[in-house]
Amino acid sequence: MTATLLNSLLRALLRWGAALVFCLPLRHRPHFWARACGMLFPLLLLAQLLDPLAQSTTLWLQQLLLLVLYVSFFALLGGMIYLCTDINKKGALYCAVWSLLIAQCAYESWCFLELQFTRYGHPLNMASPWAVLVQLLSGAVFFAAVYILLARQLPYKGEYHIGPWQLFSAFFIGILFMVQAAVLDNARAEHTPLSLTVTILIGQFYFITLLYFQSELFKKSAMEKEMNELNLLYERQRQQYQVARQNVQIINKRCHELKLQIAALRQMSGAASDPPDPELKAHIDEAEKAAQLYDASRNTGNEVLDVVLTEKSLLCESRRIQLNAVTDGSCLSFFEAGDLYALFANMLDHAIESAVKVPEPERRCIDLLVCTRQSFVVVNVISPDRPAESADTRAAHYAVKVTNRIVQKYKGTLTTESQNGFFAVKIIFPKRG
């Protein structure tokens, strides 16, 4: 096997290994390893076709051919990452840039080590099995370090959110890196000053560092944007408690007045006719039933929980959902009013949206339990399971984040369970006071 062929195979394996490193922290598509191994063949084929072409003796021609090589592998590695993981196209191309740069770093590190052995009169026999084994082992150690220190840190919560400007900037930095790689290819003769090689390596390290800081800045910007939106929603829900409280008080007052008027009307109808008119009595009974329906005030021992349950009971009634609540609100006295309202409003809204999508009326029910067990406050919400495609909305995403924030604030634990068509949320808080 010739040295050129070995060199091409090594580069292809390094590029494939680098792409694999950036695939591992992401959500995998079905048959991940079969897809990844299947992409190794086109990488080997492309390396055999294009790598020898990039070994021109003219620097400008070598840089041009290297650019073609870079773009070709960039597209192929991006396709590999996109096919193997659950990632969007921009994120896959961004990871492809990182893969190429990391693979080139691994290749140059080995070549630099080989050059030093040659300088001191101990050239390595790259065709020997021991040299190949050392190359593979050192590559595995290098990629393991990249996976731990870099690949797991770049995505935000297991995902890449790459915009067009970030992708363009990464691609431009990658081109500058590979141009320096072309210069370094021409500087590997023994008579080349060591200072030139070190300077180029430092320049490449600078570009990698620049790309990393760029990624961290964009990630920080995305985190700040999400945090601002989350805080806005959180404060809006805290303020909504006062509005809901006033609305519930108005409804209860009007319902109480209406019940008094119905009682007076019933007395008047009984005194006016003996025996009472059956038709008039039926109309009065229907009006009294309607008044009782909207007199949905609760008495749980906690005013905030009363407001939430009253508001959501009316919403459930309008959507033909049965809300069953067994609640001891007195154990929730350590909550701030806004936090308690946001917590139960988010959980019940999620449960109501799930119940609405159930076609069977008998399954449109929500069970809420709030009680004390030993020294803990237990909150259980059971509702019909929501289809996966309808659960992943932006509003639901932020509502879940607000709920998690409140649970963490009061040092609670939240667990969920989906079983037999029902979805259960269980929260446990350490009791205070």
Protein backbone atom coordinates (compact mmCIF):
# COMPACT_ATOMS: atom_id res chain seq x y z
CA MET A 1 0.00 0.00 0.00
CA THR A 2 1.56 3.34 -1.07
CA ALA A 3 2.17 6.26 1.28
CA THR A 4 -0.30 8.43 -0.68
CA LEU A 5 -3.05 5.84 -0.28
CA LEU A 6 -2.35 5.51 3.46
CA ASN A 7 -2.38 9.28 3.82
CA SER A 8 -5.78 9.53 2.07
CA LEU A 9 -7.25 6.74 4.19
CA LEU A 10 -5.99 8.40 7.37
CA ARG A 11 -7.57 11.73 6.44
CA ALA A 12 -10.88 10.10 5.57
CA LEU A 13 -10.97 8.19 8.87
CA LEU A 14 -10.12 11.35 10.79
CA ARG A 15 -12.93 13.31 9.12
CA TRP A 16 -15.41 10.50 9.72
CA GLY A 17 -14.30 10.18 13.35
CA ALA A 18 -14.59 13.93 13.92
CA ALA A 19 -18.12 14.00 12.49
CA LEU A 20 -19.03 11.02 14.67
CA VAL A 21 -17.79 12.88 17.76
CA PHE A 22 -20.17 15.76 17.05
CA CYS A 23 -23.04 13.34 16.37
CA LEU A 24 -22.79 11.50 19.69
CA PRO A 25 -24.18 14.27 22.00
CA LEU A 26 -27.26 14.78 19.77
CA ARG A 27 -30.51 12.81 19.47
CA HIS A 28 -29.89 9.92 17.11
CA ARG A 29 -32.12 8.87 14.24
CA PRO A 30 -33.15 5.20 13.95
CA HIS A 31 -30.31 2.87 12.88
CA PHE A 32 -27.73 5.47 13.85
CA TRP A 33 -24.65 3.24 13.61
CA ALA A 34 -25.72 1.73 10.31
CA ARG A 35 -26.16 5.22 8.84
CA ALA A 36 -22.82 6.42 10.25
CA CYS A 37 -20.87 3.40 8.99
CA GLY A 38 -22.59 3.70 5.61
CA MET A 39 -21.22 7.23 5.22
CA LEU A 40 -17.65 6.00 5.70
CA PHE A 41 -17.49 4.56 2.17
CA PRO A 42 -18.24 7.83 0.28
CA LEU A 43 -15.76 9.62 2.53
CA LEU A 44 -13.05 7.11 1.64
CA LEU A 45 -13.92 7.35 -2.05
CA LEU A 46 -13.86 11.15 -2.05
CA ALA A 47 -10.52 11.15 -0.21
CA GLN A 48 -9.02 8.87 -2.85
CA LEU A 49 -10.23 11.12 -5.65
CA LEU A 50 -9.52 14.59 -4.27
CA ASP A 51 -6.69 14.35 -1.75
CA PRO A 52 -4.00 13.57 -4.37
CA LEU A 53 -5.22 16.52 -6.46
CA ALA A 54 -4.56 18.91 -3.58
CA GLN A 55 -0.85 18.04 -3.53
CA SER A 56 0.08 20.54 -6.23
CA THR A 57 3.50 22.14 -6.25
CA THR A 58 2.05 25.61 -6.96
CA LEU A 59 0.77 27.30 -3.82
CA TRP A 60 -2.14 29.22 -5.37
CA LEU A 61 -3.28 26.13 -7.30
CA GLN A 62 -2.97 24.03 -4.15
CA GLN A 63 -5.08 26.53 -2.23
CA LEU A 64 -7.74 26.49 -4.94
CA LEU A 65 -7.87 22.70 -5.03
CA LEU A 66 -7.89 22.60 -1.23
CA LEU A 67 -10.90 24.93 -1.24
CA VAL A 68 -12.71 22.52 -3.57
CA LEU A 69 -11.69 19.67 -1.28
CA TYR A 70 -12.89 21.58 1.77
CA VAL A 71 -16.30 22.37 0.25
CA SER A 72 -16.77 18.78 -0.93
CA PHE A 73 -16.03 17.27 2.46
CA PHE A 74 -18.01 20.04 4.13
CA ALA A 75 -21.13 19.04 2.18
CA LEU A 76 -20.55 15.31 2.69
CA LEU A 77 -19.95 15.59 6.43
CA GLY A 78 -22.96 17.88 6.78
CA GLY A 79 -25.06 15.25 5.03
CA MET A 80 -23.71 12.55 7.32
CA ILE A 81 -24.56 14.51 10.47
CA TYR A 82 -28.01 15.41 9.14
CA LEU A 83 -28.82 11.79 8.22
CA CYS A 84 -27.59 10.34 11.53
CA THR A 85 -29.01 12.82 14.06
CA ASP A 86 -32.19 14.78 14.71
CA ILE A 87 -30.79 18.17 13.69
CA ASN A 88 -31.73 20.88 11.22
CA LYS A 89 -29.69 21.57 8.10
CA LYS A 90 -27.96 24.69 9.42
CA GLY A 91 -26.91 22.89 12.57
CA ALA A 92 -25.59 19.96 10.52
CA LEU A 93 -23.49 22.25 8.31
CA TYR A 94 -22.17 24.07 11.37
CA CYS A 95 -21.07 20.76 12.91
CA ALA A 96 -19.49 19.85 9.56
CA VAL A 97 -17.24 22.92 9.78
CA TRP A 98 -16.14 21.89 13.25
CA SER A 99 -15.58 18.31 12.08
CA LEU A 100 -13.28 19.38 9.26
CA LEU A 101 -11.25 21.68 11.47
CA ILE A 102 -10.87 19.12 14.25
CA ALA A 103 -9.89 16.39 11.76
CA GLN A 104 -7.31 18.70 10.21
CA CYS A 105 -5.90 19.47 13.68
CA ALA A 106 -5.52 15.77 14.41
CA TYR A 107 -3.83 15.18 11.05
CA GLU A 108 -1.44 18.12 11.44
CA SER A 109 -0.54 17.10 14.99
CA TRP A 110 0.52 13.68 13.78
CA CYS A 111 2.42 15.13 10.81
CA PHE A 112 4.19 17.60 13.10
CA LEU A 113 5.26 14.73 15.34
CA GLU A 114 6.45 12.74 12.31
CA LEU A 115 8.42 15.76 11.09
CA GLN A 116 10.22 16.10 14.42
CA PHE A 117 11.31 12.44 14.31
CA THR A 118 12.63 13.02 10.78
CA ARG A 119 14.50 16.18 11.81
CA TYR A 120 16.39 14.29 14.51
CA GLY A 121 17.33 11.40 12.25
CA HIS A 122 14.69 8.87 13.34
CA PRO A 123 12.13 8.78 10.50
CA LEU A 124 8.99 6.75 11.19
CA ASN A 125 7.98 3.88 8.95
CA MET A 126 4.35 4.81 8.33
CA ALA A 127 3.66 1.54 6.49
CA SER A 128 4.44 -0.59 9.55
CA PRO A 129 1.51 -2.06 11.57
CA TRP A 130 2.85 -0.51 14.77
CA ALA A 131 2.76 2.99 13.30
CA VAL A 132 -0.80 2.48 12.08
CA LEU A 133 -1.85 1.16 15.50
CA VAL A 134 -0.28 4.16 17.25
CA GLN A 135 -2.06 6.48 14.83
CA LEU A 136 -5.42 4.88 15.57
CA LEU A 137 -4.92 4.90 19.33
CA SER A 138 -3.71 8.49 19.42
CA GLY A 139 -6.64 9.51 17.23
CA ALA A 140 -9.09 7.78 19.58
CA VAL A 141 -7.59 9.59 22.59
CA PHE A 142 -7.69 12.93 20.75
CA PHE A 143 -11.34 12.52 19.71
CA ALA A 144 -12.32 11.41 23.21
CA ALA A 145 -10.85 14.65 24.55
CA VAL A 146 -12.68 16.65 21.87
CA TYR A 147 -15.95 14.92 22.78
CA ILE A 148 -15.60 15.65 26.50
CA LEU A 149 -14.23 19.20 26.27
CA LEU A 150 -15.93 20.53 23.14
CA ALA A 151 -18.60 18.46 21.39
CA ARG A 152 -20.78 18.08 24.51
CA GLN A 153 -20.47 21.79 25.35
CA LEU A 154 -21.37 23.36 22.00
CA PRO A 155 -25.08 22.43 21.74
CA TYR A 156 -27.59 24.24 23.95
CA LYS A 157 -29.70 21.63 25.76
CA GLY A 158 -28.80 19.00 23.18
CA GLU A 159 -29.67 21.17 20.16
CA TYR A 160 -28.02 23.64 17.80
CA HIS A 161 -29.80 26.92 17.06
CA ILE A 162 -27.68 28.26 14.21
CA GLY A 163 -28.61 31.42 12.34
CA PRO A 164 -27.45 32.37 8.83
CA TRP A 165 -24.84 34.87 10.08
CA GLN A 166 -23.32 32.40 12.51
CA LEU A 167 -23.12 29.76 9.78
CA PHE A 168 -21.57 32.20 7.30
CA SER A 169 -19.01 33.34 9.89
CA ALA A 170 -18.11 29.74 10.76
CA PHE A 171 -17.69 28.87 7.08
CA PHE A 172 -15.45 31.92 6.53
CA ILE A 173 -13.28 31.03 9.54
CA GLY A 174 -13.05 27.47 8.21
CA ILE A 175 -11.80 28.71 4.83
CA LEU A 176 -9.08 30.82 6.48
CA PHE A 177 -8.07 27.81 8.56
CA MET A 178 -7.79 25.56 5.53
CA VAL A 179 -5.81 28.17 3.59
CA GLN A 180 -3.25 28.06 6.37
CA ALA A 181 -3.40 24.27 6.15
CA ALA A 182 -2.40 24.57 2.48
CA VAL A 183 0.59 26.71 3.42
CA LEU A 184 1.51 24.18 6.09
CA ASP A 185 1.39 21.36 3.53
CA ASN A 186 4.05 23.18 1.52
CA ALA A 187 6.16 23.77 4.65
CA ARG A 188 6.81 20.19 5.66
CA ALA A 189 10.26 19.80 4.19
CA GLU A 190 13.17 19.34 6.57
CA HIS A 191 14.78 22.62 5.52
CA THR A 192 11.68 24.67 6.44
CA PRO A 193 12.27 26.78 9.57
CA LEU A 194 10.52 25.42 12.62
CA SER A 195 9.39 28.95 13.50
CA LEU A 196 7.24 29.11 10.33
CA THR A 197 5.49 25.85 11.18
CA VAL A 198 4.83 26.94 14.77
CA THR A 199 3.52 30.32 13.61
CA ILE A 200 1.03 28.67 11.27
CA LEU A 201 -0.10 26.27 13.98
CA ILE A 202 -0.62 29.18 16.37
CA GLY A 203 -2.67 30.95 13.69
CA GLN A 204 -4.85 27.90 13.25
CA PHE A 205 -5.28 27.62 17.02
CA TYR A 206 -6.42 31.25 16.99
CA PHE A 207 -9.08 30.51 14.36
CA ILE A 208 -10.36 27.52 16.35
CA THR A 209 -10.51 29.67 19.49
CA LEU A 210 -12.32 32.41 17.57
CA LEU A 211 -14.88 29.92 16.29
CA TYR A 212 -15.42 28.58 19.82
CA PHE A 213 -15.93 32.04 21.32
CA GLN A 214 -18.30 32.89 18.48
CA SER A 215 -20.34 29.81 19.33
CA GLU A 216 -20.40 30.72 23.03
CA LEU A 217 -21.51 34.29 22.27
CA PHE A 218 -24.38 33.14 20.06
CA LYS A 219 -25.37 30.54 22.66
CA LYS A 220 -25.32 33.15 25.41
CA SER A 221 -27.46 35.45 23.28
CA ALA A 222 -30.01 32.67 22.73
CA MET A 223 -30.06 31.91 26.47
CA GLU A 224 -30.64 35.58 27.34
CA LYS A 225 -33.45 35.83 24.81
CA GLU A 226 -35.14 32.73 26.19
CA MET A 227 -34.69 33.94 29.76
CA ASN A 228 -36.22 37.33 28.93
CA GLU A 229 -39.24 35.68 27.33
CA LEU A 230 -39.57 33.34 30.29
CA ASN A 231 -39.41 36.22 32.77
CA LEU A 232 -42.00 38.15 30.77
CA LEU A 233 -44.40 35.20 30.81
CA TYR A 234 -43.73 34.60 34.50
CA GLU A 235 -44.49 38.20 35.48
CA ARG A 236 -47.54 38.30 33.24
CA GLN A 237 -48.98 35.25 34.97
CA ARG A 238 -48.25 36.74 38.40
CA GLN A 239 -50.14 39.89 37.40
CA GLN A 240 -52.97 37.84 35.94
CA TYR A 241 -53.79 36.57 39.43
CA GLN A 242 -55.16 39.97 40.47
CA VAL A 243 -57.35 40.16 37.37
CA ALA A 244 -58.63 36.60 37.88
CA ARG A 245 -59.33 37.32 41.55
CA GLN A 246 -61.45 40.37 40.70
CA ASN A 247 -63.32 38.47 38.00
CA VAL A 248 -64.12 35.59 40.34
CA GLN A 249 -65.34 38.00 43.02
CA ILE A 250 -67.64 39.73 40.52
CA ILE A 251 -69.04 36.38 39.29
CA ASN A 252 -69.67 35.15 42.83
CA LYS A 253 -71.38 38.41 43.81
CA ARG A 254 -73.65 38.37 40.76
CA CYS A 255 -74.49 34.70 41.27
CA HIS A 256 -75.36 35.34 44.92
CA GLU A 257 -77.67 38.22 43.94
CA LEU A 258 -79.27 36.09 41.25
CA LYS A 259 -79.94 33.25 43.69
CA LEU A 260 -81.66 35.66 46.08
CA GLN A 261 -83.83 36.97 43.25
CA ILE A 262 -84.74 33.41 42.19
CA ALA A 263 -85.68 32.53 45.77
CA ALA A 264 -87.89 35.61 45.98
CA LEU A 265 -89.46 34.75 42.62
CA ARG A 266 -90.16 31.22 43.82
CA GLN A 267 -91.97 32.58 46.90
CA MET A 268 -93.99 34.99 44.78
CA SER A 269 -95.02 32.26 42.33
CA GLY A 270 -96.10 29.99 45.21
CA ALA A 271 -98.19 32.71 46.80
CA ALA A 272 -99.80 33.74 43.50
CA SER A 273 -101.15 30.31 42.58
CA ASP A 274 -102.11 27.32 44.67
CA PRO A 275 -101.13 24.74 43.52
CA PRO A 276 -98.00 26.29 41.81
CA ASP A 277 -97.92 26.41 38.03
CA PRO A 278 -95.76 23.40 36.89
CA GLU A 279 -94.41 25.23 33.84
CA LEU A 280 -93.42 28.30 35.87
CA LYS A 281 -91.83 26.06 38.51
CA ALA A 282 -89.78 24.28 35.81
CA HIS A 283 -88.47 27.62 34.49
CA ILE A 284 -87.53 28.75 38.00
CA ASP A 285 -85.75 25.44 38.70
CA GLU A 286 -83.80 25.79 35.44
CA ALA A 287 -82.75 29.34 36.31
CA GLU A 288 -81.65 28.22 39.79
CA LYS A 289 -79.63 25.38 38.29
CA ALA A 290 -77.90 27.80 35.92
CA ALA A 291 -77.07 30.13 38.81
CA GLN A 292 -75.60 27.26 40.81
CA LEU A 293 -73.57 26.24 37.77
CA TYR A 294 -71.83 29.61 37.60
CA ASP A 295 -71.51 29.91 41.35
CA ALA A 296 -68.30 27.94 41.11
CA SER A 297 -66.58 29.36 44.17
CA ARG A 298 -64.31 26.95 46.02
CA ASN A 299 -63.32 26.81 49.64
CA THR A 300 -59.98 25.00 49.82
CA GLY A 301 -58.45 26.93 52.70
CA ASN A 302 -56.23 28.98 50.38
CA GLU A 303 -57.59 32.07 48.62
CA VAL A 304 -55.22 31.81 45.66
CA LEU A 305 -56.09 28.17 45.04
CA ASP A 306 -59.78 29.10 45.35
CA VAL A 307 -59.35 31.66 42.56
CA VAL A 308 -57.49 29.21 40.29
CA LEU A 309 -60.02 26.42 40.74
CA THR A 310 -62.97 28.77 40.28
CA GLU A 311 -61.51 30.16 37.06
CA LYS A 312 -60.55 26.76 35.65
CA SER A 313 -63.86 25.17 36.73
CA LEU A 314 -65.75 27.67 34.58
CA LEU A 315 -63.36 26.99 31.71
CA CYS A 316 -63.86 23.23 32.09
CA GLU A 317 -67.62 23.63 32.14
CA SER A 318 -67.56 25.64 28.93
CA ARG A 319 -65.50 22.91 27.25
CA ARG A 320 -67.50 19.99 28.67
CA ILE A 321 -64.65 18.76 30.88
CA GLN A 322 -65.16 17.34 34.36
CA LEU A 323 -62.75 18.72 36.96
CA ASN A 324 -62.51 16.66 40.15
CA ALA A 325 -60.55 18.41 42.90
CA VAL A 326 -59.68 17.13 46.36
CA THR A 327 -57.60 19.93 47.82
CA ASP A 328 -56.27 21.03 51.16
CA GLY A 329 -55.12 24.53 50.37
CA SER A 330 -54.00 25.27 53.91
CA CYS A 331 -50.76 23.34 53.32
CA LEU A 332 -49.78 25.80 50.56
CA SER A 333 -49.53 28.87 52.79
CA PHE A 334 -45.75 29.16 52.29
CA PHE A 335 -46.21 30.00 48.58
CA GLU A 336 -46.22 33.53 47.24
CA ALA A 337 -49.57 34.35 45.66
CA GLY A 338 -48.17 34.90 42.15
CA ASP A 339 -46.11 31.70 42.25
CA LEU A 340 -49.01 29.58 43.45
CA TYR A 341 -51.35 30.97 40.80
CA ALA A 342 -48.81 30.45 37.99
CA LEU A 343 -48.05 26.89 39.13
CA PHE A 344 -51.63 25.63 39.21
CA ALA A 345 -52.79 27.71 36.23
CA ASN A 346 -50.05 26.23 34.02
CA MET A 347 -50.68 22.65 35.13
CA LEU A 348 -54.47 22.91 34.73
CA ASP A 349 -54.22 24.72 31.39
CA HIS A 350 -52.01 21.91 30.07
CA ALA A 351 -54.47 19.33 31.40
CA ILE A 352 -57.47 21.15 29.88
CA GLU A 353 -55.80 21.41 26.47
CA SER A 354 -55.10 17.67 26.61
CA ALA A 355 -58.67 16.80 27.65
CA VAL A 356 -60.20 18.93 24.88
CA LYS A 357 -58.51 16.78 22.23
CA VAL A 358 -60.10 13.56 23.56
CA PRO A 359 -63.11 12.58 21.40
CA GLU A 360 -64.78 10.39 24.06
CA PRO A 361 -66.80 12.57 26.50
CA GLU A 362 -66.43 10.07 29.36
CA ARG A 363 -62.61 10.43 29.23
CA ARG A 364 -62.66 14.21 29.41
CA CYS A 365 -61.89 14.41 33.08
CA ILE A 366 -59.13 15.97 35.19
CA ASP A 367 -58.26 14.86 38.72
CA LEU A 368 -56.45 17.24 41.07
CA LEU A 369 -55.15 16.22 44.48
CA VAL A 370 -53.43 18.52 46.99
CA CYS A 371 -52.64 16.98 50.37
CA THR A 372 -50.04 16.55 53.09
CA ARG A 373 -48.16 13.31 53.56
CA GLN A 374 -45.80 13.17 56.50
CA SER A 375 -43.68 16.33 56.14
CA PHE A 376 -44.31 16.87 52.42
CA VAL A 377 -46.93 18.64 50.32
CA VAL A 378 -48.09 16.46 47.43
CA VAL A 379 -49.69 17.81 44.26
CA ASN A 380 -51.07 15.36 41.68
CA VAL A 381 -52.70 16.24 38.37
CA ILE A 382 -54.04 13.43 36.16
CA SER A 383 -55.43 14.18 32.71
CA PRO A 384 -55.79 12.46 29.33
CA ASP A 385 -52.47 12.04 27.54
CA ARG A 386 -51.75 14.69 24.94
CA PRO A 387 -50.61 13.63 21.44
CA ALA A 388 -46.90 14.22 20.95
CA GLU A 389 -47.34 16.45 17.90
CA SER A 390 -49.63 18.86 19.77
CA ALA A 391 -47.56 19.04 22.97
CA ASP A 392 -44.46 20.60 21.48
CA THR A 393 -45.73 24.15 20.99
CA ARG A 394 -43.92 27.33 21.94
CA ALA A 395 -46.53 28.28 24.57
CA ALA A 396 -46.45 24.80 26.13
CA HIS A 397 -42.64 24.88 26.09
CA TYR A 398 -42.47 28.10 28.11
CA ALA A 399 -45.31 27.05 30.44
CA VAL A 400 -43.32 23.94 31.35
CA LYS A 401 -40.23 26.08 32.00
CA VAL A 402 -42.21 28.40 34.29
CA THR A 403 -43.57 25.39 36.19
CA ASN A 404 -40.07 23.93 36.59
CA ARG A 405 -38.73 27.27 37.79
CA ILE A 406 -41.40 27.53 40.51
CA VAL A 407 -40.79 23.92 41.59
CA GLN A 408 -37.05 24.59 41.87
CA LYS A 409 -37.65 27.85 43.75
CA TYR A 410 -39.49 26.00 46.51
CA LYS A 411 -37.02 23.07 46.45
CA GLY A 412 -39.57 20.60 45.13
CA THR A 413 -39.30 17.66 42.76
CA LEU A 414 -41.45 17.13 39.68
CA THR A 415 -42.04 13.79 37.96
CA THR A 416 -44.29 12.86 35.06
CA GLU A 417 -45.72 9.55 33.93
CA SER A 418 -47.71 8.51 30.87
CA GLN A 419 -49.64 5.26 31.13
CA ASN A 420 -52.85 3.75 29.71
CA GLY A 421 -53.81 6.92 27.88
CA PHE A 422 -53.43 9.21 30.93
CA PHE A 423 -50.73 11.70 31.84
CA ALA A 424 -49.84 12.26 35.51
CA VAL A 425 -47.84 15.11 37.02
CA LYS A 426 -46.64 14.64 40.59
CA ILE A 427 -44.91 17.39 42.56
CA ILE A 428 -43.55 17.03 46.08
CA PHE A 429 -42.59 20.05 48.20
CA PRO A 430 -40.96 19.98 51.62
CA LYS A 431 -43.53 21.43 54.02
CA ARG A 432 -42.66 24.74 55.66
CA GLY A 433 -44.08 26.50 58.67
